[in-house]
Amino acid sequence: GRGREALYWFMQMCMAGLKPNLITCTAILTACSYTGLAD
């Protein structure tokens, strides 16, 4: 339920030049869902 931290590390991953895959996107969307980060 730590959606903000999940978003932070997602952005860090993208900044490191790594492209998220489908499973990564499931993980970050789940993070947003569990913490009410609709936008």
PDB file of all heavy atoms in Angstrom:
ATOM      1  N   GLY A   1       0.804  -1.220   0.000  1.00  0.00           N
ATOM      2  CA  GLY A   1       0.000   0.000   0.000  1.00  0.00           C
ATOM      3  C   GLY A   1       0.835   1.267   0.000  1.00  0.00           C
ATOM      4  O   GLY A   1       0.354   2.334   0.401  1.00  0.00           O
ATOM      5  N   ARG A   2       2.075   1.168  -0.473  1.00  0.00           N
ATOM      6  CA  ARG A   2       2.968   2.327  -0.497  1.00  0.00           C
ATOM      7  C   ARG A   2       3.118   2.808  -1.942  1.00  0.00           C
ATOM      8  O   ARG A   2       4.161   2.684  -2.585  1.00  0.00           O
ATOM      9  CB  ARG A   2       4.310   1.971   0.144  1.00  0.00           C
ATOM     10  CG  ARG A   2       4.145   1.643   1.631  1.00  0.00           C
ATOM     11  CD  ARG A   2       5.290   0.858   2.224  1.00  0.00           C
ATOM     12  NE  ARG A   2       6.534   1.593   2.270  1.00  0.00           N
ATOM     13  CZ  ARG A   2       7.635   1.142   2.890  1.00  0.00           C
ATOM     14  NH1 ARG A   2       7.594  -0.024   3.541  1.00  0.00           N
ATOM     15  NH2 ARG A   2       8.737   1.855   2.876  1.00  0.00           N
ATOM     16  N   GLY A   3       2.004   3.337  -2.453  1.00  0.00           N
ATOM     17  CA  GLY A   3       1.921   3.701  -3.862  1.00  0.00           C
ATOM     18  C   GLY A   3       2.887   4.779  -4.289  1.00  0.00           C
ATOM     19  O   GLY A   3       3.446   4.724  -5.388  1.00  0.00           O
ATOM     20  N   ARG A   4       3.089   5.787  -3.442  1.00  0.00           N
ATOM     21  CA  ARG A   4       4.005   6.877  -3.803  1.00  0.00           C
ATOM     22  C   ARG A   4       5.428   6.365  -3.986  1.00  0.00           C
ATOM     23  O   ARG A   4       6.142   6.784  -4.900  1.00  0.00           O
ATOM     24  CB  ARG A   4       3.969   7.961  -2.724  1.00  0.00           C
ATOM     25  CG  ARG A   4       2.673   8.745  -2.657  1.00  0.00           C
ATOM     26  CD  ARG A   4       2.489   9.611  -3.882  1.00  0.00           C
ATOM     27  NE  ARG A   4       1.211  10.323  -3.865  1.00  0.00           N
ATOM     28  CZ  ARG A   4       0.728  10.986  -4.894  1.00  0.00           C
ATOM     29  NH1 ARG A   4       1.423  11.030  -6.020  1.00  0.00           N
ATOM     30  NH2 ARG A   4      -0.443  11.596  -4.818  1.00  0.00           N
ATOM     31  N   GLU A   5       5.836   5.459  -3.105  1.00  0.00           N
ATOM     32  CA  GLU A   5       7.188   4.890  -3.219  1.00  0.00           C
ATOM     33  C   GLU A   5       7.305   3.999  -4.455  1.00  0.00           C
ATOM     34  O   GLU A   5       8.345   3.977  -5.124  1.00  0.00           O
ATOM     35  CB  GLU A   5       7.522   4.098  -1.957  1.00  0.00           C
ATOM     36  CG  GLU A   5       7.789   4.999  -0.758  1.00  0.00           C
ATOM     37  CD  GLU A   5       7.762   4.245   0.554  1.00  0.00           C
ATOM     38  OE1 GLU A   5       6.644   4.013   1.073  1.00  0.00           O
ATOM     39  OE2 GLU A   5       8.837   3.891   1.054  1.00  0.00           O
ATOM     40  N   ALA A   6       6.219   3.268  -4.763  1.00  0.00           N
ATOM     41  CA  ALA A   6       6.212   2.452  -5.981  1.00  0.00           C
ATOM     42  C   ALA A   6       6.377   3.335  -7.210  1.00  0.00           C
ATOM     43  O   ALA A   6       7.148   3.018  -8.127  1.00  0.00           O
ATOM     44  CB  ALA A   6       4.911   1.650  -6.065  1.00  0.00           C
ATOM     45  N   LEU A   7       5.686   4.473  -7.226  1.00  0.00           N
ATOM     46  CA  LEU A   7       5.813   5.417  -8.338  1.00  0.00           C
ATOM     47  C   LEU A   7       7.224   5.987  -8.436  1.00  0.00           C
ATOM     48  O   LEU A   7       7.776   6.149  -9.531  1.00  0.00           O
ATOM     49  CB  LEU A   7       4.813   6.563  -8.167  1.00  0.00           C
ATOM     50  CG  LEU A   7       3.365   6.280  -8.572  1.00  0.00           C
ATOM     51  CD1 LEU A   7       2.457   7.415  -8.119  1.00  0.00           C
ATOM     52  CD2 LEU A   7       3.258   6.072 -10.077  1.00  0.00           C
ATOM     53  N   TYR A   8       7.818   6.278  -7.286  1.00  0.00           N
ATOM     54  CA  TYR A   8       9.177   6.820  -7.271  1.00  0.00           C
ATOM     55  C   TYR A   8      10.152   5.844  -7.923  1.00  0.00           C
ATOM     56  O   TYR A   8      10.951   6.239  -8.792  1.00  0.00           O
ATOM     57  CB  TYR A   8       9.615   7.103  -5.838  1.00  0.00           C
ATOM     58  CG  TYR A   8      11.100   7.399  -5.702  1.00  0.00           C
ATOM     59  CD1 TYR A   8      11.615   8.657  -6.024  1.00  0.00           C
ATOM     60  CD2 TYR A   8      11.994   6.406  -5.278  1.00  0.00           C
ATOM     61  CE1 TYR A   8      12.968   8.935  -5.914  1.00  0.00           C
ATOM     62  CE2 TYR A   8      13.351   6.667  -5.174  1.00  0.00           C
ATOM     63  CZ  TYR A   8      13.837   7.922  -5.489  1.00  0.00           C
ATOM     64  OH  TYR A   8      15.181   8.178  -5.392  1.00  0.00           O
ATOM     65  N   TRP A   9      10.071   4.570  -7.533  1.00  0.00           N
ATOM     66  CA  TRP A   9      11.002   3.573  -8.080  1.00  0.00           C
ATOM     67  C   TRP A   9      10.683   3.249  -9.534  1.00  0.00           C
ATOM     68  O   TRP A   9      11.590   2.913 -10.312  1.00  0.00           O
ATOM     69  CB  TRP A   9      11.017   2.323  -7.211  1.00  0.00           C
ATOM     70  CG  TRP A   9      11.691   2.574  -5.893  1.00  0.00           C
ATOM     71  CD1 TRP A   9      11.119   2.705  -4.672  1.00  0.00           C
ATOM     72  CD2 TRP A   9      13.101   2.764  -5.691  1.00  0.00           C
ATOM     73  NE1 TRP A   9      12.067   2.966  -3.713  1.00  0.00           N
ATOM     74  CE2 TRP A   9      13.294   3.006  -4.304  1.00  0.00           C
ATOM     75  CE3 TRP A   9      14.211   2.761  -6.527  1.00  0.00           C
ATOM     76  CZ2 TRP A   9      14.555   3.233  -3.763  1.00  0.00           C
ATOM     77  CZ3 TRP A   9      15.472   2.986  -5.983  1.00  0.00           C
ATOM     78  CH2 TRP A   9      15.631   3.219  -4.620  1.00  0.00           C
ATOM     79  N   PHE A  10       9.429   3.371  -9.908  1.00  0.00           N
ATOM     80  CA  PHE A  10       9.066   3.192 -11.320  1.00  0.00           C
ATOM     81  C   PHE A  10       9.735   4.262 -12.168  1.00  0.00           C
ATOM     82  O   PHE A  10      10.296   3.975 -13.241  1.00  0.00           O
ATOM     83  CB  PHE A  10       7.540   3.257 -11.472  1.00  0.00           C
ATOM     84  CG  PHE A  10       7.065   3.117 -12.897  1.00  0.00           C
ATOM     85  CD1 PHE A  10       7.032   1.879 -13.521  1.00  0.00           C
ATOM     86  CD2 PHE A  10       6.643   4.238 -13.617  1.00  0.00           C
ATOM     87  CE1 PHE A  10       6.586   1.753 -14.830  1.00  0.00           C
ATOM     88  CE2 PHE A  10       6.200   4.121 -14.927  1.00  0.00           C
ATOM     89  CZ  PHE A  10       6.173   2.870 -15.529  1.00  0.00           C
ATOM     90  N   MET A  11       9.714   5.502 -11.702  1.00  0.00           N
ATOM     91  CA  MET A  11      10.354   6.587 -12.430  1.00  0.00           C
ATOM     92  C   MET A  11      11.869   6.429 -12.445  1.00  0.00           C
ATOM     93  O   MET A  11      12.526   6.724 -13.450  1.00  0.00           O
ATOM     94  CB  MET A  11       9.968   7.938 -11.804  1.00  0.00           C
ATOM     95  CG  MET A  11       8.483   8.275 -11.900  1.00  0.00           C
ATOM     96  SD  MET A  11       7.831   8.148 -13.586  1.00  0.00           S
ATOM     97  CE  MET A  11       8.823   9.389 -14.430  1.00  0.00           C
ATOM     98  N   GLN A  12      12.433   5.964 -11.316  1.00  0.00           N
ATOM     99  CA  GLN A  12      13.874   5.716 -11.256  1.00  0.00           C
ATOM    100  C   GLN A  12      14.290   4.663 -12.283  1.00  0.00           C
ATOM    101  O   GLN A  12      15.334   4.773 -12.919  1.00  0.00           O
ATOM    102  CB  GLN A  12      14.276   5.259  -9.855  1.00  0.00           C
ATOM    103  CG  GLN A  12      14.196   6.342  -8.789  1.00  0.00           C
ATOM    104  CD  GLN A  12      15.168   7.480  -9.042  1.00  0.00           C
ATOM    105  OE1 GLN A  12      16.355   7.270  -9.267  1.00  0.00           O
ATOM    106  NE2 GLN A  12      14.642   8.700  -9.028  1.00  0.00           N
ATOM    107  N   MET A  13      13.471   3.661 -12.431  1.00  0.00           N
ATOM    108  CA  MET A  13      13.739   2.598 -13.401  1.00  0.00           C
ATOM    109  C   MET A  13      13.755   3.171 -14.829  1.00  0.00           C
ATOM    110  O   MET A  13      14.663   2.874 -15.623  1.00  0.00           O
ATOM    111  CB  MET A  13      12.670   1.512 -13.284  1.00  0.00           C
ATOM    112  CG  MET A  13      12.723   0.445 -14.363  1.00  0.00           C
ATOM    113  SD  MET A  13      11.334  -0.691 -14.220  1.00  0.00           S
ATOM    114  CE  MET A  13      11.470  -1.545 -15.787  1.00  0.00           C
ATOM    115  N   CYS A  14      12.756   3.994 -15.137  1.00  0.00           N
ATOM    116  CA  CYS A  14      12.688   4.597 -16.472  1.00  0.00           C
ATOM    117  C   CYS A  14      13.873   5.531 -16.713  1.00  0.00           C
ATOM    118  O   CYS A  14      14.446   5.569 -17.815  1.00  0.00           O
ATOM    119  CB  CYS A  14      11.370   5.347 -16.636  1.00  0.00           C
ATOM    120  SG  CYS A  14       9.907   4.273 -16.568  1.00  0.00           S
ATOM    121  N   MET A  15      14.268   6.272 -15.675  1.00  0.00           N
ATOM    122  CA  MET A  15      15.408   7.184 -15.796  1.00  0.00           C
ATOM    123  C   MET A  15      16.718   6.427 -15.969  1.00  0.00           C
ATOM    124  O   MET A  15      17.682   6.946 -16.536  1.00  0.00           O
ATOM    125  CB  MET A  15      15.484   8.084 -14.561  1.00  0.00           C
ATOM    126  CG  MET A  15      14.366   9.128 -14.505  1.00  0.00           C
ATOM    127  SD  MET A  15      14.271  10.001 -12.909  1.00  0.00           S
ATOM    128  CE  MET A  15      15.882  10.801 -12.874  1.00  0.00           C
ATOM    129  N   ALA A  16      16.754   5.174 -15.483  1.00  0.00           N
ATOM    130  CA  ALA A  16      17.958   4.348 -15.642  1.00  0.00           C
ATOM    131  C   ALA A  16      18.058   3.759 -17.047  1.00  0.00           C
ATOM    132  O   ALA A  16      19.016   3.049 -17.356  1.00  0.00           O
ATOM    133  CB  ALA A  16      17.948   3.226 -14.604  1.00  0.00           C
ATOM    134  N   GLY A  17      17.063   4.076 -17.879  1.00  0.00           N
ATOM    135  CA  GLY A  17      17.106   3.621 -19.267  1.00  0.00           C
ATOM    136  C   GLY A  17      16.486   2.261 -19.500  1.00  0.00           C
ATOM    137  O   GLY A  17      16.641   1.686 -20.586  1.00  0.00           O
ATOM    138  N   LEU A  18      15.777   1.734 -18.500  1.00  0.00           N
ATOM    139  CA  LEU A  18      15.140   0.428 -18.641  1.00  0.00           C
ATOM    140  C   LEU A  18      13.672   0.602 -18.995  1.00  0.00           C
ATOM    141  O   LEU A  18      12.969   1.418 -18.394  1.00  0.00           O
ATOM    142  CB  LEU A  18      15.266  -0.386 -17.356  1.00  0.00           C
ATOM    143  CG  LEU A  18      16.675  -0.901 -17.031  1.00  0.00           C
ATOM    144  CD1 LEU A  18      16.699  -1.525 -15.653  1.00  0.00           C
ATOM    145  CD2 LEU A  18      17.128  -1.906 -18.063  1.00  0.00           C
ATOM    146  N   LYS A  19      13.220  -0.172 -19.948  1.00  0.00           N
ATOM    147  CA  LYS A  19      11.835  -0.092 -20.388  1.00  0.00           C
ATOM    148  C   LYS A  19      10.984  -1.072 -19.590  1.00  0.00           C
ATOM    149  O   LYS A  19      11.323  -2.258 -19.506  1.00  0.00           O
ATOM    150  CB  LYS A  19      11.755  -0.418 -21.886  1.00  0.00           C
ATOM    151  CG  LYS A  19      10.345  -0.444 -22.442  1.00  0.00           C
ATOM    152  CD  LYS A  19      10.348  -0.914 -23.887  1.00  0.00           C
ATOM    153  CE  LYS A  19       8.926  -1.139 -24.383  1.00  0.00           C
ATOM    154  NZ  LYS A  19       8.907  -1.671 -25.769  1.00  0.00           N
ATOM    155  N   PRO A  20       9.886  -0.610 -18.992  1.00  0.00           N
ATOM    156  CA  PRO A  20       9.022  -1.528 -18.244  1.00  0.00           C
ATOM    157  C   PRO A  20       8.383  -2.549 -19.180  1.00  0.00           C
ATOM    158  O   PRO A  20       8.141  -2.259 -20.355  1.00  0.00           O
ATOM    159  CB  PRO A  20       7.966  -0.601 -17.625  1.00  0.00           C
ATOM    160  CG  PRO A  20       7.948   0.601 -18.507  1.00  0.00           C
ATOM    161  CD  PRO A  20       9.346   0.765 -18.999  1.00  0.00           C
ATOM    162  N   ASN A  21       8.120  -3.750 -18.654  1.00  0.00           N
ATOM    163  CA  ASN A  21       7.396  -4.747 -19.442  1.00  0.00           C
ATOM    164  C   ASN A  21       5.945  -4.815 -18.956  1.00  0.00           C
ATOM    165  O   ASN A  21       5.527  -4.027 -18.107  1.00  0.00           O
ATOM    166  CB  ASN A  21       8.090  -6.112 -19.383  1.00  0.00           C
ATOM    167  CG  ASN A  21       8.218  -6.646 -17.959  1.00  0.00           C
ATOM    168  OD1 ASN A  21       7.431  -6.285 -17.075  1.00  0.00           O
ATOM    169  ND2 ASN A  21       9.202  -7.503 -17.731  1.00  0.00           N
ATOM    170  N   LEU A  22       5.188  -5.738 -19.478  1.00  0.00           N
ATOM    171  CA  LEU A  22       3.777  -5.841 -19.126  1.00  0.00           C
ATOM    172  C   LEU A  22       3.570  -6.130 -17.645  1.00  0.00           C
ATOM    173  O   LEU A  22       2.634  -5.613 -17.018  1.00  0.00           O
ATOM    174  CB  LEU A  22       3.112  -6.933 -19.976  1.00  0.00           C
ATOM    175  CG  LEU A  22       2.974  -6.612 -21.472  1.00  0.00           C
ATOM    176  CD1 LEU A  22       2.491  -7.850 -22.222  1.00  0.00           C
ATOM    177  CD2 LEU A  22       2.033  -5.437 -21.711  1.00  0.00           C
ATOM    178  N   ILE A  23       4.470  -6.947 -17.069  1.00  0.00           N
ATOM    179  CA  ILE A  23       4.345  -7.285 -15.643  1.00  0.00           C
ATOM    180  C   ILE A  23       4.646  -6.064 -14.780  1.00  0.00           C
ATOM    181  O   ILE A  23       3.994  -5.837 -13.759  1.00  0.00           O
ATOM    182  CB  ILE A  23       5.277  -8.457 -15.284  1.00  0.00           C
ATOM    183  CG1 ILE A  23       4.949  -9.678 -16.138  1.00  0.00           C
ATOM    184  CG2 ILE A  23       5.163  -8.814 -13.805  1.00  0.00           C
ATOM    185  CD1 ILE A  23       5.911 -10.834 -15.977  1.00  0.00           C
ATOM    186  N   THR A  24       5.630  -5.274 -15.196  1.00  0.00           N
ATOM    187  CA  THR A  24       5.948  -4.037 -14.470  1.00  0.00           C
ATOM    188  C   THR A  24       4.736  -3.113 -14.452  1.00  0.00           C
ATOM    189  O   THR A  24       4.412  -2.507 -13.416  1.00  0.00           O
ATOM    190  CB  THR A  24       7.132  -3.304 -15.123  1.00  0.00           C
ATOM    191  OG1 THR A  24       8.170  -4.221 -15.427  1.00  0.00           O
ATOM    192  CG2 THR A  24       7.668  -2.222 -14.210  1.00  0.00           C
ATOM    193  N   CYS A  25       4.066  -2.998 -15.589  1.00  0.00           N
ATOM    194  CA  CYS A  25       2.897  -2.117 -15.674  1.00  0.00           C
ATOM    195  C   CYS A  25       1.762  -2.619 -14.782  1.00  0.00           C
ATOM    196  O   CYS A  25       1.056  -1.814 -14.163  1.00  0.00           O
ATOM    197  CB  CYS A  25       2.437  -2.009 -17.128  1.00  0.00           C
ATOM    198  SG  CYS A  25       3.610  -1.112 -18.179  1.00  0.00           S
ATOM    199  N   THR A  26       1.600  -3.931 -14.703  1.00  0.00           N
ATOM    200  CA  THR A  26       0.598  -4.492 -13.793  1.00  0.00           C
ATOM    201  C   THR A  26       0.918  -4.095 -12.358  1.00  0.00           C
ATOM    202  O   THR A  26       0.031  -3.708 -11.586  1.00  0.00           O
ATOM    203  CB  THR A  26       0.540  -6.023 -13.911  1.00  0.00           C
ATOM    204  OG1 THR A  26       0.203  -6.387 -15.249  1.00  0.00           O
ATOM    205  CG2 THR A  26      -0.494  -6.614 -12.955  1.00  0.00           C
ATOM    206  N   ALA A  27       2.208  -4.183 -12.003  1.00  0.00           N
ATOM    207  CA  ALA A  27       2.644  -3.858 -10.636  1.00  0.00           C
ATOM    208  C   ALA A  27       2.376  -2.394 -10.298  1.00  0.00           C
ATOM    209  O   ALA A  27       1.843  -2.084  -9.225  1.00  0.00           O
ATOM    210  CB  ALA A  27       4.122  -4.186 -10.464  1.00  0.00           C
ATOM    211  N   ILE A  28       2.724  -1.493 -11.200  1.00  0.00           N
ATOM    212  CA  ILE A  28       2.573  -0.067 -10.879  1.00  0.00           C
ATOM    213  C   ILE A  28       1.097   0.354 -10.908  1.00  0.00           C
ATOM    214  O   ILE A  28       0.667   1.197 -10.112  1.00  0.00           O
ATOM    215  CB  ILE A  28       3.428   0.818 -11.830  1.00  0.00           C
ATOM    216  CG1 ILE A  28       3.490   2.256 -11.304  1.00  0.00           C
ATOM    217  CG2 ILE A  28       2.932   0.764 -13.247  1.00  0.00           C
ATOM    218  CD1 ILE A  28       4.111   2.382  -9.928  1.00  0.00           C
ATOM    219  N   LEU A  29       0.292  -0.242 -11.772  1.00  0.00           N
ATOM    220  CA  LEU A  29      -1.146   0.048 -11.775  1.00  0.00           C
ATOM    221  C   LEU A  29      -1.804  -0.487 -10.503  1.00  0.00           C
ATOM    222  O   LEU A  29      -2.716   0.143  -9.958  1.00  0.00           O
ATOM    223  CB  LEU A  29      -1.809  -0.561 -13.012  1.00  0.00           C
ATOM    224  CG  LEU A  29      -1.493   0.121 -14.352  1.00  0.00           C
ATOM    225  CD1 LEU A  29      -2.102  -0.666 -15.498  1.00  0.00           C
ATOM    226  CD2 LEU A  29      -1.977   1.565 -14.366  1.00  0.00           C
ATOM    227  N   THR A  30      -1.332  -1.629 -10.031  1.00  0.00           N
ATOM    228  CA  THR A  30      -1.826  -2.175  -8.761  1.00  0.00           C
ATOM    229  C   THR A  30      -1.497  -1.229  -7.616  1.00  0.00           C
ATOM    230  O   THR A  30      -2.323  -0.992  -6.729  1.00  0.00           O
ATOM    231  CB  THR A  30      -1.194  -3.560  -8.496  1.00  0.00           C
ATOM    232  OG1 THR A  30      -1.561  -4.448  -9.550  1.00  0.00           O
ATOM    233  CG2 THR A  30      -1.674  -4.136  -7.171  1.00  0.00           C
ATOM    234  N   ALA A  31      -0.279  -0.688  -7.635  1.00  0.00           N
ATOM    235  CA  ALA A  31       0.130   0.264  -6.593  1.00  0.00           C
ATOM    236  C   ALA A  31      -0.795   1.473  -6.572  1.00  0.00           C
ATOM    237  O   ALA A  31      -1.216   1.937  -5.507  1.00  0.00           O
ATOM    238  CB  ALA A  31       1.574   0.709  -6.834  1.00  0.00           C
ATOM    239  N   CYS A  32      -1.121   1.973  -7.750  1.00  0.00           N
ATOM    240  CA  CYS A  32      -2.018   3.131  -7.829  1.00  0.00           C
ATOM    241  C   CYS A  32      -3.412   2.771  -7.334  1.00  0.00           C
ATOM    242  O   CYS A  32      -4.069   3.564  -6.641  1.00  0.00           O
ATOM    243  CB  CYS A  32      -2.087   3.633  -9.271  1.00  0.00           C
ATOM    244  SG  CYS A  32      -0.537   4.323  -9.879  1.00  0.00           S
ATOM    245  N   SER A  33      -3.857   1.578  -7.665  1.00  0.00           N
ATOM    246  CA  SER A  33      -5.196   1.129  -7.254  1.00  0.00           C
ATOM    247  C   SER A  33      -5.305   1.009  -5.744  1.00  0.00           C
ATOM    248  O   SER A  33      -6.274   1.467  -5.140  1.00  0.00           O
ATOM    249  CB  SER A  33      -5.514  -0.214  -7.910  1.00  0.00           C
ATOM    250  OG  SER A  33      -6.746  -0.725  -7.462  1.00  0.00           O
ATOM    251  N   TYR A  34      -4.291   0.402  -5.117  1.00  0.00           N
ATOM    252  CA  TYR A  34      -4.342   0.139  -3.678  1.00  0.00           C
ATOM    253  C   TYR A  34      -4.209   1.392  -2.822  1.00  0.00           C
ATOM    254  O   TYR A  34      -4.479   1.361  -1.621  1.00  0.00           O
ATOM    255  CB  TYR A  34      -3.248  -0.858  -3.286  1.00  0.00           C
ATOM    256  CG  TYR A  34      -3.527  -2.275  -3.724  1.00  0.00           C
ATOM    257  CD1 TYR A  34      -2.588  -3.274  -3.511  1.00  0.00           C
ATOM    258  CD2 TYR A  34      -4.704  -2.635  -4.352  1.00  0.00           C
ATOM    259  CE1 TYR A  34      -2.830  -4.585  -3.909  1.00  0.00           C
ATOM    260  CE2 TYR A  34      -4.950  -3.925  -4.755  1.00  0.00           C
ATOM    261  CZ  TYR A  34      -4.006  -4.902  -4.546  1.00  0.00           C
ATOM    262  OH  TYR A  34      -4.252  -6.182  -4.946  1.00  0.00           O
ATOM    263  N   THR A  35      -3.760   2.495  -3.434  1.00  0.00           N
ATOM    264  CA  THR A  35      -3.578   3.722  -2.651  1.00  0.00           C
ATOM    265  C   THR A  35      -4.409   4.888  -3.180  1.00  0.00           C
ATOM    266  O   THR A  35      -4.199   6.033  -2.783  1.00  0.00           O
ATOM    267  CB  THR A  35      -2.084   4.116  -2.631  1.00  0.00           C
ATOM    268  OG1 THR A  35      -1.517   3.955  -3.937  1.00  0.00           O
ATOM    269  CG2 THR A  35      -1.302   3.260  -1.669  1.00  0.00           C
ATOM    270  N   GLY A  36      -5.349   4.592  -4.076  1.00  0.00           N
ATOM    271  CA  GLY A  36      -6.264   5.622  -4.544  1.00  0.00           C
ATOM    272  C   GLY A  36      -5.649   6.665  -5.443  1.00  0.00           C
ATOM    273  O   GLY A  36      -6.162   7.783  -5.544  1.00  0.00           O
ATOM    274  N   LEU A  37      -4.556   6.325  -6.122  1.00  0.00           N
ATOM    275  CA  LEU A  37      -3.891   7.283  -7.015  1.00  0.00           C
ATOM    276  C   LEU A  37      -4.490   7.157  -8.419  1.00  0.00           C
ATOM    277  O   LEU A  37      -3.859   6.668  -9.355  1.00  0.00           O
ATOM    278  CB  LEU A  37      -2.380   7.017  -7.037  1.00  0.00           C
ATOM    279  CG  LEU A  37      -1.678   7.099  -5.681  1.00  0.00           C
ATOM    280  CD1 LEU A  37      -0.223   6.664  -5.797  1.00  0.00           C
ATOM    281  CD2 LEU A  37      -1.769   8.509  -5.109  1.00  0.00           C
ATOM    282  N   ALA A  38      -5.734   7.620  -8.543  1.00  0.00           N
ATOM    283  CA  ALA A  38      -6.473   7.423  -9.793  1.00  0.00           C
ATOM    284  C   ALA A  38      -5.855   8.168 -10.970  1.00  0.00           C
ATOM    285  O   ALA A  38      -5.694   7.603 -12.059  1.00  0.00           O
ATOM    286  CB  ALA A  38      -7.925   7.849  -9.601  1.00  0.00           C
ATOM    287  N   ASP A  39      -5.498   9.428 -10.786  1.00  0.00           N
ATOM    288  CA  ASP A  39      -4.944  10.225 -11.884  1.00  0.00           C
ATOM    289  C   ASP A  39      -3.613   9.648 -12.368  1.00  0.00           C
ATOM    290  O   ASP A  39      -3.366   9.571 -13.581  1.00  0.00           O
ATOM    291  CB  ASP A  39      -4.751  11.679 -11.449  1.00  0.00           C
ATOM    292  CG  ASP A  39      -6.080  12.401 -11.234  1.00  0.00           C
ATOM    293  OD1 ASP A  39      -7.095  11.932 -11.804  1.00  0.00           O
ATOM    294  OD2 ASP A  39      -6.103  13.401 -10.495  1.00  0.00           O
TER     295      ASP A  39
END
